[in-house]
């Protein structure tokens, strides 16, 4: 039989999460964010769960082609825009909308020979300080785009850096309001955190919301709020099985570096999962895991192909017992990916995107 580790994608959860996000931002249209191969879930595997969205947003032309090949005929948005002038040719052929965040991209549009004008989203740098025009340069960039015959409709967007925390969105929102005041065109400002925390405000949610991580069932502001608080369900389960059990006596160590020493006699299980599968090597002792649906903890350092778990809370466990690394376990048990990520000092995004190619993936 194949090695027992596998990931399962839950399309019903994706549909449920999108519905929860629509409730949070009533009246706004919803982008399905499928960059990074749908946050590690797989564009083709998640398409059925996400196709109820109003559009798909992603990063590169290859991903856009894959979405078109699946039969999607609605809007597709390139979130970082084009990377060189010839990309505009494929934007025309695939009917892609694209973000404009630099003078160079406007220059490329001005030189582009097209029969059909293109839909663009002009990006404001309202304080994230990654991509976009500074507030004092935004209206000039808009004027340049509006004068081009290669450009059809111009929409406006920005990205909030602190929607998930106490700093909030107000300072950036004020920059966006001033920069776009009186300009025609649709607005898009809200990521997952802004959609869930501020989407009830009509002026903030605008015309399009762009929730990424929340669509896949993780909370954008964990640990303040967990996924259940926002009505979200996990879209990915990573599971495996125990392949051996051992009795470890007090004073014995476990794993590379002997970083865990047993304070008392322990029965432990060896799980077919390691950092070569995408499980984080830096996961410390105590990272939560489910065995047969019962919560327990990891012990010692994560190896390439194995981890060790404490079987004290689940004495009936044996080789073949089901292990849930994150997601949905047996008998309705759940282990939110946010809890695992938090224990590892990272975020659920990283764990999702790190799923290794060698892990078999099923669609539920």
Protein backbone atom coordinates (compact mmCIF):
# COMPACT_ATOMS: atom_id res chain seq x y z
CA UNK A 1 0.00 0.00 0.00
CA UNK A 2 1.17 3.61 -0.50
CA UNK A 3 2.63 5.62 2.34
CA UNK A 4 -0.40 6.67 4.41
CA UNK A 5 0.00 10.44 4.47
CA UNK A 6 -2.53 12.33 2.37
CA UNK A 7 -4.22 15.68 2.03
CA UNK A 8 -7.95 16.03 1.44
CA UNK A 9 -9.53 19.11 -0.13
CA UNK A 10 -13.08 19.91 1.02
CA UNK A 11 -14.96 21.75 -1.72
CA UNK A 12 -18.10 21.95 0.41
CA UNK A 13 -16.07 23.94 2.93
CA UNK A 14 -14.91 26.33 0.22
CA UNK A 15 -18.50 26.98 -0.83
CA UNK A 16 -19.53 27.45 2.80
CA UNK A 17 -16.67 29.87 3.47
CA UNK A 18 -17.51 31.98 0.46
CA UNK A 19 -21.10 32.19 1.63
CA UNK A 20 -19.90 33.33 5.08
CA UNK A 21 -17.77 36.00 3.41
CA UNK A 22 -20.70 37.23 1.35
CA UNK A 23 -22.70 37.61 4.53
CA UNK A 24 -19.83 39.60 6.06
CA UNK A 25 -19.71 41.97 3.07
CA UNK A 26 -23.28 42.13 1.76
CA UNK A 27 -23.66 43.39 -1.78
CA UNK A 28 -19.97 43.26 -2.68
CA UNK A 29 -18.72 41.02 -5.44
CA UNK A 30 -16.23 38.36 -4.41
CA UNK A 31 -12.86 37.45 -5.89
CA UNK A 32 -11.74 33.85 -5.45
CA UNK A 33 -8.03 34.26 -4.72
CA UNK A 34 -6.15 31.34 -6.25
CA UNK A 35 -2.57 32.60 -6.26
CA UNK A 36 0.12 30.13 -5.12
CA UNK A 37 -1.85 27.30 -6.71
CA UNK A 38 -4.91 28.18 -4.64
CA UNK A 39 -2.87 28.52 -1.44
CA UNK A 40 -1.46 25.02 -1.95
CA UNK A 41 -4.89 23.42 -2.40
CA UNK A 42 -4.62 23.21 -6.19
CA UNK A 43 -6.49 25.35 -8.73
CA UNK A 44 -8.01 22.37 -10.51
CA UNK A 45 -8.98 20.68 -7.25
CA UNK A 46 -10.70 23.76 -5.81
CA UNK A 47 -12.40 25.07 -8.93
CA UNK A 48 -15.75 23.44 -8.19
CA UNK A 49 -15.75 24.85 -4.69
CA UNK A 50 -14.79 28.35 -5.80
CA UNK A 51 -16.66 28.78 -9.06
CA UNK A 52 -19.55 30.49 -7.28
CA UNK A 53 -17.31 33.55 -6.92
CA UNK A 54 -17.71 36.56 -9.19
CA UNK A 55 -14.14 36.40 -10.44
CA UNK A 56 -10.78 34.72 -9.95
CA UNK A 57 -7.69 36.66 -8.86
CA UNK A 58 -4.15 35.34 -9.15
CA UNK A 59 -0.59 36.30 -9.95
CA UNK A 60 0.67 34.92 -13.22
CA UNK A 61 -0.40 34.14 -16.73
CA UNK A 62 0.06 30.38 -16.38
CA UNK A 63 -2.45 30.33 -13.54
CA UNK A 64 -4.83 32.46 -15.60
CA UNK A 65 -4.57 30.03 -18.51
CA UNK A 66 -5.39 27.14 -16.16
CA UNK A 67 -8.52 28.89 -14.94
CA UNK A 68 -9.65 29.61 -18.50
CA UNK A 69 -8.95 25.97 -19.44
CA UNK A 70 -11.34 24.90 -16.67
CA UNK A 71 -14.11 26.74 -18.50
CA UNK A 72 -14.24 30.00 -16.54
CA UNK A 73 -15.47 32.84 -18.74
CA UNK A 74 -15.87 35.53 -16.08
CA UNK A 75 -13.37 38.11 -14.82
CA UNK A 76 -9.78 37.12 -14.00
CA UNK A 77 -7.55 39.68 -12.29
CA UNK A 78 -3.74 39.68 -12.26
CA UNK A 79 -3.00 40.97 -8.76
CA UNK A 80 0.54 42.16 -9.53
CA UNK A 81 -0.25 43.17 -13.08
CA UNK A 82 2.01 42.32 -15.99
CA UNK A 83 5.74 41.77 -15.68
CA UNK A 84 6.83 42.72 -19.20
CA UNK A 85 5.22 44.39 -22.24
CA UNK A 86 4.46 41.20 -24.16
CA UNK A 87 2.30 39.95 -21.26
CA UNK A 88 -0.31 42.44 -22.45
CA UNK A 89 -0.84 40.34 -25.58
CA UNK A 90 -1.97 37.40 -23.49
CA UNK A 91 -4.10 39.70 -21.36
CA UNK A 92 -5.92 40.62 -24.56
CA UNK A 93 -6.25 37.04 -25.73
CA UNK A 94 -7.43 35.67 -22.36
CA UNK A 95 -9.48 38.79 -21.56
CA UNK A 96 -7.65 39.42 -18.30
CA UNK A 97 -8.04 42.40 -16.03
CA UNK A 98 -4.81 43.55 -14.44
CA UNK A 99 -3.46 45.75 -11.70
CA UNK A 100 -1.36 48.78 -12.59
CA UNK A 101 1.03 49.80 -9.81
CA UNK A 102 3.97 51.46 -11.58
CA UNK A 103 4.87 54.01 -14.26
CA UNK A 104 6.51 51.25 -16.29
CA UNK A 105 3.24 49.37 -16.57
CA UNK A 106 1.52 52.53 -17.85
CA UNK A 107 4.34 52.99 -20.38
CA UNK A 108 3.86 49.40 -21.61
CA UNK A 109 0.13 49.99 -22.03
CA UNK A 110 0.80 53.17 -24.02
CA UNK A 111 2.95 51.17 -26.46
CA UNK A 112 0.60 48.20 -26.67
CA UNK A 113 -1.20 47.67 -29.97
CA UNK A 114 -4.63 46.31 -29.16
CA UNK A 115 -8.03 46.26 -30.79
CA UNK A 116 -9.86 45.83 -27.47
CA UNK A 117 -9.17 48.26 -24.60
CA UNK A 118 -8.21 46.64 -21.31
CA UNK A 119 -9.75 46.80 -17.84
CA UNK A 120 -7.24 47.85 -15.20
CA UNK A 121 -7.17 48.29 -11.43
CA UNK A 122 -5.02 51.24 -10.41
CA UNK A 123 -3.30 50.51 -7.11
CA UNK A 124 -2.70 53.03 -4.35
CA UNK A 125 0.10 52.59 -1.84
CA UNK A 126 -1.88 53.73 1.18
CA UNK A 127 0.69 52.58 3.74
CA UNK A 128 1.57 48.95 3.00
CA UNK A 129 4.66 50.22 1.15
CA UNK A 130 4.92 47.35 -1.27
CA UNK A 131 3.23 48.08 -4.60
CA UNK A 132 1.25 51.06 -5.79
CA UNK A 133 1.40 54.79 -6.41
CA UNK A 134 1.97 57.13 -3.49
CA UNK A 135 -1.12 59.21 -2.62
CA UNK A 136 0.37 62.41 -4.04
CA UNK A 137 1.04 60.68 -7.40
CA UNK A 138 -2.15 58.67 -7.69
CA UNK A 139 -4.35 61.13 -9.54
CA UNK A 140 -1.64 61.83 -12.11
CA UNK A 141 -1.34 58.11 -12.76
CA UNK A 142 -5.09 57.94 -13.16
CA UNK A 143 -5.04 60.79 -15.66
CA UNK A 144 -2.35 59.06 -17.73
CA UNK A 145 -4.37 55.83 -17.85
CA UNK A 146 -7.62 57.63 -18.65
CA UNK A 147 -5.99 59.28 -21.66
CA UNK A 148 -4.90 55.98 -23.23
CA UNK A 149 -7.06 54.38 -25.94
CA UNK A 150 -5.64 51.03 -24.78
CA UNK A 151 -7.48 51.37 -21.46
CA UNK A 152 -11.18 50.85 -20.94
CA UNK A 153 -12.53 51.03 -17.40
CA UNK A 154 -10.27 52.00 -14.49
CA UNK A 155 -11.00 50.62 -11.03
CA UNK A 156 -9.31 51.61 -7.78
CA UNK A 157 -7.66 49.38 -5.19
CA UNK A 158 -5.39 49.33 -2.18
CA UNK A 159 -4.25 46.77 0.38
CA UNK A 160 -4.60 47.10 4.15
CA UNK A 161 -1.55 46.12 6.18
CA UNK A 162 -3.16 46.07 9.65
CA UNK A 163 -6.80 45.10 9.18
CA UNK A 164 -6.18 42.12 11.46
CA UNK A 165 -4.99 44.12 14.46
CA UNK A 166 -5.45 47.09 16.74
CA UNK A 167 -3.96 49.61 14.32
CA UNK A 168 -6.81 48.88 11.97
CA UNK A 169 -7.60 50.44 8.61
CA UNK A 170 -8.57 54.03 9.34
CA UNK A 171 -5.34 55.80 8.38
CA UNK A 172 -5.01 53.88 5.12
CA UNK A 173 -8.72 54.23 4.42
CA UNK A 174 -8.40 58.02 4.75
CA UNK A 175 -5.54 58.03 2.21
CA UNK A 176 -7.66 55.96 -0.18
CA UNK A 177 -10.69 58.23 0.19
CA UNK A 178 -8.68 61.38 -0.49
CA UNK A 179 -6.79 59.88 -3.45
CA UNK A 180 -9.89 58.55 -5.21
CA UNK A 181 -12.42 61.24 -4.30
CA UNK A 182 -14.50 62.20 -7.31
CA UNK A 183 -12.88 59.66 -9.63
CA UNK A 184 -15.21 57.24 -11.43
CA UNK A 185 -14.64 53.50 -11.24
CA UNK A 186 -15.21 50.56 -8.94
CA UNK A 187 -13.38 50.13 -5.63
CA UNK A 188 -11.62 47.12 -4.07
CA UNK A 189 -9.88 47.40 -0.72
CA UNK A 190 -10.76 44.47 1.56
CA UNK A 191 -8.57 41.43 2.17
CA UNK A 192 -9.77 38.62 4.47
CA UNK A 193 -9.36 40.55 7.71
CA UNK A 194 -10.94 43.71 6.36
CA UNK A 195 -13.83 41.76 4.84
CA UNK A 196 -14.63 40.00 8.11
CA UNK A 197 -13.95 42.89 10.50
CA UNK A 198 -15.06 45.88 8.43
CA UNK A 199 -17.15 44.50 5.57
CA UNK A 200 -20.39 45.68 7.17
CA UNK A 201 -19.34 49.24 6.27
CA UNK A 202 -20.58 49.77 2.72
CA UNK A 203 -18.05 52.47 1.92
CA UNK A 204 -15.15 50.25 3.00
CA UNK A 205 -16.20 46.99 1.35
CA UNK A 206 -16.73 48.81 -1.94
CA UNK A 207 -17.56 46.87 -5.08
CA UNK A 208 -15.15 43.91 -4.82
CA UNK A 209 -13.69 42.12 -1.79
CA UNK A 210 -10.53 40.00 -2.01
CA UNK A 211 -10.60 37.44 0.83
CA UNK A 212 -7.78 34.93 0.45
CA UNK A 213 -6.94 32.90 3.54
CA UNK A 214 -10.48 33.05 4.94
CA UNK A 215 -11.85 31.26 1.88
CA UNK A 216 -9.65 28.31 2.77
CA UNK A 217 -10.92 28.13 6.32
CA UNK A 218 -8.23 29.90 8.35
CA UNK A 219 -8.74 32.98 10.48
CA UNK A 220 -6.92 36.15 9.36
CA UNK A 221 -6.74 37.48 12.92
CA UNK A 222 -5.93 34.36 14.94
CA UNK A 223 -5.52 34.08 17.91
CA UNK A 224 -7.88 37.00 18.64
CA UNK A 225 -10.56 35.13 16.71
CA UNK A 226 -10.51 31.55 15.52
CA UNK A 227 -12.03 30.25 12.31
CA UNK A 228 -15.18 29.08 14.08
CA UNK A 229 -15.79 32.64 15.31
CA UNK A 230 -16.04 33.74 11.68
CA UNK A 231 -18.09 30.72 10.62
CA UNK A 232 -15.26 29.23 8.56
CA UNK A 233 -14.54 25.56 7.91
CA UNK A 234 -11.17 23.97 7.01
CA UNK A 235 -10.76 23.39 3.29
CA UNK A 236 -7.70 21.15 3.71
CA UNK A 237 -7.04 18.17 5.97
CA UNK A 238 -3.56 16.70 6.29
CA UNK A 239 -3.73 13.22 7.75
CA UNK A 240 -1.56 10.17 8.18
CA UNK A 241 -1.31 7.09 10.39
CA UNK A 242 0.82 5.72 13.18
CA UNK A 243 3.35 3.27 11.77
CA UNK A 244 4.94 2.15 15.06
CA UNK A 245 4.61 2.55 18.82
CA UNK A 246 7.34 2.58 21.47
CA UNK A 247 7.62 2.67 25.23
CA UNK A 248 10.02 5.42 26.27
CA UNK A 249 11.31 5.34 29.84
CA UNK A 250 11.94 8.33 32.09
CA UNK A 251 15.22 10.02 31.21
CA UNK A 252 15.24 8.75 27.60
CA UNK A 253 15.36 11.19 24.70
CA UNK A 254 13.49 11.30 21.41
CA UNK A 255 14.66 12.27 17.95
CA UNK A 256 17.52 14.23 16.43
CA UNK A 257 19.42 16.42 18.83
CA UNK A 258 17.79 14.75 21.85
CA UNK A 259 15.85 17.96 22.44
CA UNK A 260 13.04 16.13 24.27
CA UNK A 261 13.70 14.16 27.44
CA UNK A 262 10.91 12.10 28.95
CA UNK A 263 10.18 13.07 32.56
CA UNK A 264 8.23 9.85 33.05
CA UNK A 265 7.53 6.64 31.19
CA UNK A 266 5.63 7.38 27.98
CA UNK A 267 4.01 5.40 25.22
CA UNK A 268 4.65 7.18 21.95
CA UNK A 269 3.60 6.78 18.34
CA UNK A 270 5.67 7.28 15.21
CA UNK A 271 3.71 9.03 12.43
CA UNK A 272 4.42 8.89 8.70
CA UNK A 273 4.80 12.64 8.24
CA UNK A 274 7.82 14.92 8.18
CA UNK A 275 9.22 18.12 6.80
CA UNK A 276 9.61 16.53 3.35
CA UNK A 277 5.80 16.36 3.33
CA UNK A 278 5.46 20.04 4.18
CA UNK A 279 5.03 19.70 7.94
CA UNK A 280 7.17 22.42 9.55
CA UNK A 281 10.55 21.22 10.83
CA UNK A 282 10.50 24.00 13.41
CA UNK A 283 7.34 22.63 15.05
CA UNK A 284 8.26 22.43 18.75
CA UNK A 285 7.38 19.76 21.28
CA UNK A 286 3.77 20.34 22.23
CA UNK A 287 2.47 21.19 18.76
CA UNK A 288 -1.14 19.93 18.73
CA UNK A 289 -2.13 16.83 16.78
CA UNK A 290 -5.12 14.48 16.81
CA UNK A 291 -4.81 10.70 17.14
CA UNK A 292 -8.08 8.90 16.44
CA UNK A 293 -9.73 12.29 16.97
CA UNK A 294 -8.16 12.80 20.41
CA UNK A 295 -5.95 15.84 20.95
CA UNK A 296 -2.36 15.18 21.94
CA UNK A 297 1.08 16.64 21.19
CA UNK A 298 4.27 16.17 19.20
CA UNK A 299 7.51 15.19 20.95
CA UNK A 300 11.03 16.12 19.88
CA UNK A 301 12.31 17.33 16.54
CA UNK A 302 10.44 16.78 13.29
CA UNK A 303 12.39 14.48 10.95
CA UNK A 304 12.28 14.38 7.16
CA UNK A 305 9.73 11.57 7.10
CA UNK A 306 8.49 11.06 10.67
CA UNK A 307 7.23 12.76 13.80
CA UNK A 308 6.69 11.30 17.25
CA UNK A 309 3.51 11.91 19.23
CA UNK A 310 2.50 11.36 22.83
CA UNK A 311 -0.07 8.56 23.17
CA UNK A 312 -0.83 9.20 26.85
CA UNK A 313 -4.28 10.74 26.11
CA UNK A 314 -5.16 7.96 23.67
CA UNK A 315 -3.96 4.63 25.17
CA UNK A 316 -5.91 2.54 22.66
CA UNK A 317 -3.89 3.93 19.71
CA UNK A 318 -1.95 1.40 17.66
CA UNK A 319 -0.17 1.12 14.31
CA UNK A 320 -2.77 2.15 11.76
CA UNK A 321 -4.50 4.69 14.02
CA UNK A 322 -5.50 7.84 12.15
CA UNK A 323 -3.49 10.99 12.79
CA UNK A 324 -4.79 14.45 11.88
CA UNK A 325 -2.00 16.98 11.44
CA UNK A 326 -4.54 19.72 10.73
CA UNK A 327 -8.10 19.92 9.49
CA UNK A 328 -10.95 17.47 9.98
CA UNK A 329 -10.46 14.38 12.13
CA UNK A 330 -12.71 11.39 12.84
CA UNK A 331 -15.98 11.68 14.75
CA UNK A 332 -16.34 15.39 14.01
CA UNK A 333 -13.07 16.37 15.66
CA UNK A 334 -11.20 19.32 14.17
CA UNK A 335 -7.70 20.72 14.51
CA UNK A 336 -7.58 24.25 13.06
CA UNK A 337 -4.51 24.87 10.94
CA UNK A 338 -4.15 28.20 12.77
CA UNK A 339 -3.41 26.38 16.04
CA UNK A 340 -0.66 24.32 14.45
CA UNK A 341 0.82 27.37 12.75
CA UNK A 342 0.67 29.43 15.95
CA UNK A 343 2.54 26.72 17.85
CA UNK A 344 5.23 26.88 15.14
CA UNK A 345 5.51 30.66 15.20
CA UNK A 346 4.08 31.06 11.71
CA UNK A 347 0.72 31.42 9.94
CA UNK A 348 -1.65 29.01 8.29
CA UNK A 349 -0.82 30.46 4.86
CA UNK A 350 2.70 29.02 5.06
CA UNK A 351 1.56 25.54 6.05
CA UNK A 352 -1.01 25.37 3.25
CA UNK A 353 1.43 26.55 0.61
CA UNK A 354 4.21 24.24 1.82
CA UNK A 355 2.33 20.99 1.12
CA UNK A 356 4.87 18.81 -0.71
CA UNK A 357 4.37 17.29 -4.12
CA UNK A 358 4.92 13.78 -2.78
CA UNK A 359 1.76 13.99 -0.66
CA UNK A 360 -1.21 12.39 -2.37
CA UNK A 361 -4.15 14.79 -2.58
CA UNK A 362 -7.79 13.69 -2.69
CA UNK A 363 -10.87 15.82 -3.27
CA UNK A 364 -13.78 15.30 -0.91
